[in-house]
PDB file of N, CA and C in Angstrom:
ATOM      1  N   UNK A   1      29.950 -96.918  30.876  1.00  0.00           N
ATOM      2  CA  UNK A   1      28.958 -95.814  31.177  1.00  0.00           C
ATOM      3  C   UNK A   1      29.353 -95.344  32.617  1.00  0.00           C
ATOM      4  N   UNK A   2      28.912 -94.231  32.939  1.00  0.00           N
ATOM      5  CA  UNK A   2      29.251 -93.618  34.299  1.00  0.00           C
ATOM      6  C   UNK A   2      28.153 -94.040  35.226  1.00  0.00           C
ATOM      7  N   UNK A   3      28.355 -93.912  36.475  1.00  0.00           N
ATOM      8  CA  UNK A   3      27.458 -94.281  37.486  1.00  0.00           C
ATOM      9  C   UNK A   3      26.152 -93.449  37.422  1.00  0.00           C
ATOM     10  N   UNK A   4      26.247 -92.263  37.281  1.00  0.00           N
ATOM     11  CA  UNK A   4      25.018 -91.408  37.179  1.00  0.00           C
ATOM     12  C   UNK A   4      23.991 -91.792  35.991  1.00  0.00           C
ATOM     13  N   UNK A   5      24.710 -92.047  34.860  1.00  0.00           N
ATOM     14  CA  UNK A   5      23.886 -92.421  33.679  1.00  0.00           C
ATOM     15  C   UNK A   5      23.292 -93.917  33.871  1.00  0.00           C
ATOM     16  N   UNK A   6      24.059 -94.716  34.405  1.00  0.00           N
ATOM     17  CA  UNK A   6      23.646 -96.092  34.761  1.00  0.00           C
ATOM     18  C   UNK A   6      22.238 -95.940  35.739  1.00  0.00           C
ATOM     19  N   UNK A   7      22.429 -95.131  36.782  1.00  0.00           N
ATOM     20  CA  UNK A   7      21.322 -95.058  37.681  1.00  0.00           C
ATOM     21  C   UNK A   7      20.005 -94.402  37.057  1.00  0.00           C
ATOM     22  N   UNK A   8      20.361 -93.421  36.216  1.00  0.00           N
ATOM     23  CA  UNK A   8      19.274 -92.689  35.489  1.00  0.00           C
ATOM     24  C   UNK A   8      18.484 -93.693  34.507  1.00  0.00           C
ATOM     25  N   UNK A   9      19.343 -94.538  33.850  1.00  0.00           N
ATOM     26  CA  UNK A   9      18.803 -95.528  32.856  1.00  0.00           C
ATOM     27  C   UNK A   9      17.939 -96.554  33.673  1.00  0.00           C
ATOM     28  N   UNK A  10      18.421 -97.006  34.919  1.00  0.00           N
ATOM     29  CA  UNK A  10      17.572 -97.842  35.639  1.00  0.00           C
ATOM     30  C   UNK A  10      16.300 -97.293  36.179  1.00  0.00           C
ATOM     31  N   UNK A  11      16.371 -95.999  36.556  1.00  0.00           N
ATOM     32  CA  UNK A  11      15.043 -95.312  37.008  1.00  0.00           C
ATOM     33  C   UNK A  11      14.085 -95.114  35.827  1.00  0.00           C
ATOM     34  N   UNK A  12      14.663 -94.761  34.704  1.00  0.00           N
ATOM     35  CA  UNK A  12      13.792 -94.674  33.369  1.00  0.00           C
ATOM     36  C   UNK A  12      13.202 -95.933  33.018  1.00  0.00           C
ATOM     37  N   UNK A  13      13.950 -97.035  33.057  1.00  0.00           N
ATOM     38  CA  UNK A  13      13.268 -98.355  32.942  1.00  0.00           C
ATOM     39  C   UNK A  13      12.168 -98.627  33.813  1.00  0.00           C
ATOM     40  N   UNK A  14      12.409 -98.358  35.149  1.00  0.00           N
ATOM     41  CA  UNK A  14      11.421 -98.585  36.095  1.00  0.00           C
ATOM     42  C   UNK A  14      10.186 -97.717  35.849  1.00  0.00           C
ATOM     43  N   UNK A  15      10.340 -96.535  35.459  1.00  0.00           N
ATOM     44  CA  UNK A  15       9.239 -95.585  35.205  1.00  0.00           C
ATOM     45  C   UNK A  15       8.439 -96.128  33.934  1.00  0.00           C
ATOM     46  N   UNK A  16       9.219 -96.608  33.065  1.00  0.00           N
ATOM     47  CA  UNK A  16       8.566 -97.199  31.766  1.00  0.00           C
ATOM     48  C   UNK A  16       7.624 -98.342  32.092  1.00  0.00           C
ATOM     49  N   UNK A  17       8.052 -99.188  33.081  1.00  0.00           N
ATOM     50  CA  UNK A  17       7.260-100.347  33.480  1.00  0.00           C
ATOM     51  C   UNK A  17       6.999-101.349  32.301  1.00  0.00           C
ATOM     52  N   UNK A  18       5.916-101.929  32.312  1.00  0.00           N
ATOM     53  CA  UNK A  18       5.524-102.873  31.248  1.00  0.00           C
ATOM     54  C   UNK A  18       4.388-102.450  30.350  1.00  0.00           C
ATOM     55  N   UNK A  19       4.312-101.041  30.149  1.00  0.00           N
ATOM     56  CA  UNK A  19       3.278-100.616  29.294  1.00  0.00           C
ATOM     57  C   UNK A  19       3.522-100.808  27.845  1.00  0.00           C
ATOM     58  N   UNK A  20       2.482-101.032  27.064  1.00  0.00           N
ATOM     59  CA  UNK A  20       2.626-101.238  25.717  1.00  0.00           C
ATOM     60  C   UNK A  20       3.331-100.069  25.107  1.00  0.00           C
ATOM     61  N   UNK A  21       3.856-100.221  24.000  1.00  0.00           N
ATOM     62  CA  UNK A  21       4.768 -99.079  23.408  1.00  0.00           C
ATOM     63  C   UNK A  21       4.035 -97.907  23.042  1.00  0.00           C
ATOM     64  N   UNK A  22       2.709 -97.991  22.617  1.00  0.00           N
ATOM     65  CA  UNK A  22       2.001 -96.910  22.263  1.00  0.00           C
ATOM     66  C   UNK A  22       1.259 -96.110  23.353  1.00  0.00           C
ATOM     67  N   UNK A  23       1.418 -96.655  24.662  1.00  0.00           N
ATOM     68  CA  UNK A  23       0.733 -95.966  25.733  1.00  0.00           C
ATOM     69  C   UNK A  23       1.610 -94.657  26.128  1.00  0.00           C
ATOM     70  N   UNK A  24       0.776 -93.569  26.295  1.00  0.00           N
ATOM     71  CA  UNK A  24       1.302 -92.292  26.678  1.00  0.00           C
ATOM     72  C   UNK A  24       1.627 -92.327  28.156  1.00  0.00           C
ATOM     73  N   UNK A  25       2.897 -92.116  28.458  1.00  0.00           N
ATOM     74  CA  UNK A  25       3.198 -92.126  30.006  1.00  0.00           C
ATOM     75  C   UNK A  25       3.198 -90.651  30.566  1.00  0.00           C
ATOM     76  N   UNK A  26       3.208 -89.616  29.701  1.00  0.00           N
ATOM     77  CA  UNK A  26       3.094 -88.271  30.204  1.00  0.00           C
ATOM     78  C   UNK A  26       2.237 -87.429  29.247  1.00  0.00           C
ATOM     79  N   UNK A  27       1.014 -87.046  29.687  1.00  0.00           N
ATOM     80  CA  UNK A  27       0.118 -86.395  28.910  1.00  0.00           C
ATOM     81  C   UNK A  27       0.547 -85.137  28.325  1.00  0.00           C
ATOM     82  N   UNK A  28       1.281 -84.315  29.206  1.00  0.00           N
ATOM     83  CA  UNK A  28       1.630 -82.967  28.887  1.00  0.00           C
ATOM     84  C   UNK A  28       2.654 -82.959  27.653  1.00  0.00           C
ATOM     85  N   UNK A  29       3.599 -83.850  27.703  1.00  0.00           N
ATOM     86  CA  UNK A  29       4.691 -83.906  26.700  1.00  0.00           C
ATOM     87  C   UNK A  29       4.293 -84.975  25.623  1.00  0.00           C
ATOM     88  N   UNK A  30       3.350 -85.859  25.878  1.00  0.00           N
ATOM     89  CA  UNK A  30       3.061 -86.867  24.883  1.00  0.00           C
ATOM     90  C   UNK A  30       4.097 -87.993  24.811  1.00  0.00           C
ATOM     91  N   UNK A  31       4.919 -88.096  25.872  1.00  0.00           N
ATOM     92  CA  UNK A  31       5.967 -89.196  25.956  1.00  0.00           C
ATOM     93  C   UNK A  31       5.359 -90.600  26.039  1.00  0.00           C
ATOM     94  N   UNK A  32       5.752 -91.445  25.165  1.00  0.00           N
ATOM     95  CA  UNK A  32       5.083 -92.830  25.152  1.00  0.00           C
ATOM     96  C   UNK A  32       6.150 -93.699  25.728  1.00  0.00           C
ATOM     97  N   UNK A  33       5.702 -94.963  25.906  1.00  0.00           N
ATOM     98  CA  UNK A  33       6.492 -96.045  26.405  1.00  0.00           C
ATOM     99  C   UNK A  33       7.525 -96.292  25.351  1.00  0.00           C
ATOM    100  N   UNK A  34       7.179 -96.273  24.034  1.00  0.00           N
ATOM    101  CA  UNK A  34       8.084 -96.487  22.836  1.00  0.00           C
ATOM    102  C   UNK A  34       9.217 -95.458  22.855  1.00  0.00           C
ATOM    103  N   UNK A  35       8.799 -94.110  23.178  1.00  0.00           N
ATOM    104  CA  UNK A  35       9.928 -93.228  23.282  1.00  0.00           C
ATOM    105  C   UNK A  35      10.980 -93.567  24.291  1.00  0.00           C
ATOM    106  N   UNK A  36      10.430 -93.974  25.443  1.00  0.00           N
ATOM    107  CA  UNK A  36      11.318 -94.490  26.503  1.00  0.00           C
ATOM    108  C   UNK A  36      12.289 -95.664  25.997  1.00  0.00           C
ATOM    109  N   UNK A  37      11.586 -96.478  25.288  1.00  0.00           N
ATOM    110  CA  UNK A  37      12.334 -97.741  24.688  1.00  0.00           C
ATOM    111  C   UNK A  37      13.498 -97.164  23.812  1.00  0.00           C
ATOM    112  N   UNK A  38      13.134 -96.240  23.034  1.00  0.00           N
ATOM    113  CA  UNK A  38      14.247 -95.729  22.019  1.00  0.00           C
ATOM    114  C   UNK A  38      15.355 -95.001  22.845  1.00  0.00           C
ATOM    115  N   UNK A  39      15.076 -94.228  23.976  1.00  0.00           N
ATOM    116  CA  UNK A  39      16.057 -93.625  24.821  1.00  0.00           C
ATOM    117  C   UNK A  39      16.930 -94.769  25.436  1.00  0.00           C
ATOM    118  N   UNK A  40      16.217 -95.735  25.969  1.00  0.00           N
ATOM    119  CA  UNK A  40      17.000 -96.802  26.594  1.00  0.00           C
ATOM    120  C   UNK A  40      17.933 -97.483  25.712  1.00  0.00           C
ATOM    121  N   UNK A  41      17.427 -97.769  24.499  1.00  0.00           N
ATOM    122  CA  UNK A  41      18.312 -98.453  23.557  1.00  0.00           C
ATOM    123  C   UNK A  41      19.473 -97.691  23.183  1.00  0.00           C
ATOM    124  N   UNK A  42      19.373 -96.369  23.049  1.00  0.00           N
ATOM    125  CA  UNK A  42      20.353 -95.454  22.728  1.00  0.00           C
ATOM    126  C   UNK A  42      21.432 -95.318  23.917  1.00  0.00           C
ATOM    127  N   UNK A  43      21.009 -95.569  25.125  1.00  0.00           N
ATOM    128  CA  UNK A  43      21.867 -95.347  26.208  1.00  0.00           C
ATOM    129  C   UNK A  43      22.499 -96.588  26.697  1.00  0.00           C
ATOM    130  N   UNK A  44      22.150 -97.773  26.267  1.00  0.00           N
ATOM    131  CA  UNK A  44      22.739 -99.014  26.786  1.00  0.00           C
ATOM    132  C   UNK A  44      24.261 -99.154  26.254  1.00  0.00           C
ATOM    133  N   UNK A  45      24.815 -99.864  26.986  1.00  0.00           N
ATOM    134  CA  UNK A  45      26.318-100.063  26.729  1.00  0.00           C
ATOM    135  C   UNK A  45      26.413-101.187  25.598  1.00  0.00           C
ATOM    136  N   UNK A  46      27.286-100.974  24.640  1.00  0.00           N
ATOM    137  CA  UNK A  46      27.444-102.026  23.600  1.00  0.00           C
ATOM    138  C   UNK A  46      27.882-103.426  24.286  1.00  0.00           C
ATOM    139  N   UNK A  47      27.420-104.554  23.758  1.00  0.00           N
ATOM    140  CA  UNK A  47      27.917-105.909  24.063  1.00  0.00           C
ATOM    141  C   UNK A  47      29.272-106.074  23.625  1.00  0.00           C
ATOM    142  N   UNK A  48      30.032-106.993  24.088  1.00  0.00           N
ATOM    143  CA  UNK A  48      31.297-107.208  23.833  1.00  0.00           C
ATOM    144  C   UNK A  48      31.679-107.326  22.264  1.00  0.00           C
ATOM    145  N   UNK A  49      30.776-107.883  21.438  1.00  0.00           N
ATOM    146  CA  UNK A  49      31.152-108.104  20.087  1.00  0.00           C
ATOM    147  C   UNK A  49      30.598-106.866  19.218  1.00  0.00           C
ATOM    148  N   UNK A  50      29.936-105.925  19.777  1.00  0.00           N
ATOM    149  CA  UNK A  50      29.444-104.769  18.997  1.00  0.00           C
ATOM    150  C   UNK A  50      30.536-103.743  18.970  1.00  0.00           C
ATOM    151  N   UNK A  51      30.448-102.854  17.820  1.00  0.00           N
ATOM    152  CA  UNK A  51      31.423-101.849  17.832  1.00  0.00           C
ATOM    153  C   UNK A  51      31.463-100.974  19.125  1.00  0.00           C
ATOM    154  N   UNK A  52      32.463-100.660  19.720  1.00  0.00           N
ATOM    155  CA  UNK A  52      32.699-100.084  20.903  1.00  0.00           C
ATOM    156  C   UNK A  52      32.508-101.004  22.158  1.00  0.00           C
ATOM    157  N   UNK A  53      32.463-102.306  21.898  1.00  0.00           N
ATOM    158  CA  UNK A  53      32.481-103.218  22.996  1.00  0.00           C
ATOM    159  C   UNK A  53      33.836-103.533  23.384  1.00  0.00           C
ATOM    160  N   UNK A  54      34.053-104.413  24.358  1.00  0.00           N
ATOM    161  CA  UNK A  54      35.294-104.580  24.982  1.00  0.00           C
ATOM    162  C   UNK A  54      36.225-105.603  24.135  1.00  0.00           C
ATOM    163  N   UNK A  55      35.562-106.355  23.275  1.00  0.00           N
ATOM    164  CA  UNK A  55      36.339-107.315  22.437  1.00  0.00           C
ATOM    165  C   UNK A  55      36.570-106.727  21.115  1.00  0.00           C
ATOM    166  N   UNK A  56      37.798-107.157  20.531  1.00  0.00           N
ATOM    167  CA  UNK A  56      37.911-106.771  19.112  1.00  0.00           C
ATOM    168  C   UNK A  56      38.371-108.076  18.416  1.00  0.00           C
ATOM    169  N   UNK A  57      38.577-107.878  17.127  1.00  0.00           N
ATOM    170  CA  UNK A  57      38.977-109.106  16.312  1.00  0.00           C
ATOM    171  C   UNK A  57      40.218-109.929  16.892  1.00  0.00           C
ATOM    172  N   UNK A  58      41.151-109.105  17.389  1.00  0.00           N
ATOM    173  CA  UNK A  58      42.515-109.772  17.901  1.00  0.00           C
ATOM    174  C   UNK A  58      42.178-110.686  19.121  1.00  0.00           C
ATOM    175  N   UNK A  59      41.107-110.298  19.934  1.00  0.00           N
ATOM    176  CA  UNK A  59      40.815-111.176  21.036  1.00  0.00           C
ATOM    177  C   UNK A  59      40.131-112.510  20.544  1.00  0.00           C
ATOM    178  N   UNK A  60      39.376-112.434  19.410  1.00  0.00           N
ATOM    179  CA  UNK A  60      38.780-113.631  18.867  1.00  0.00           C
ATOM    180  C   UNK A  60      39.814-114.522  18.109  1.00  0.00           C
ATOM    181  N   UNK A  61      40.766-114.017  17.488  1.00  0.00           N
ATOM    182  CA  UNK A  61      41.720-114.766  16.616  1.00  0.00           C
ATOM    183  C   UNK A  61      42.925-115.398  17.391  1.00  0.00           C
ATOM    184  N   UNK A  62      42.959-115.046  18.672  1.00  0.00           N
ATOM    185  CA  UNK A  62      44.110-115.577  19.439  1.00  0.00           C
ATOM    186  C   UNK A  62      45.430-114.851  19.104  1.00  0.00           C
ATOM    187  N   UNK A  63      45.362-113.607  18.473  1.00  0.00           N
ATOM    188  CA  UNK A  63      46.520-112.931  18.220  1.00  0.00           C
ATOM    189  C   UNK A  63      46.786-111.819  19.292  1.00  0.00           C
ATOM    190  N   UNK A  64      46.184-111.998  20.386  1.00  0.00           N
ATOM    191  CA  UNK A  64      46.244-110.843  21.301  1.00  0.00           C
ATOM    192  C   UNK A  64      47.540-110.948  22.063  1.00  0.00           C
TER     193      UNK A  64
END
C-alpha cells in the first residue's frame, strides 16, 4: 500500500473509535461504525498467505 492510503486508513480507524457497529458516526450521511469497518477491511493489505500476499506456494515448499 502507499503511504497516503496507509495514513488515511489509520485516521479512519481512529475516527471510528470503539463504537458499536450500528452506531451512526455521521448523521447527515448515515455513516455507521460498521460502514467504516467494511471500508477498513477492504483497504487492508493481504497477509502473507492470502492471495496477493508476499508468500506463494514455492516459498512454503522449499522450491524457491
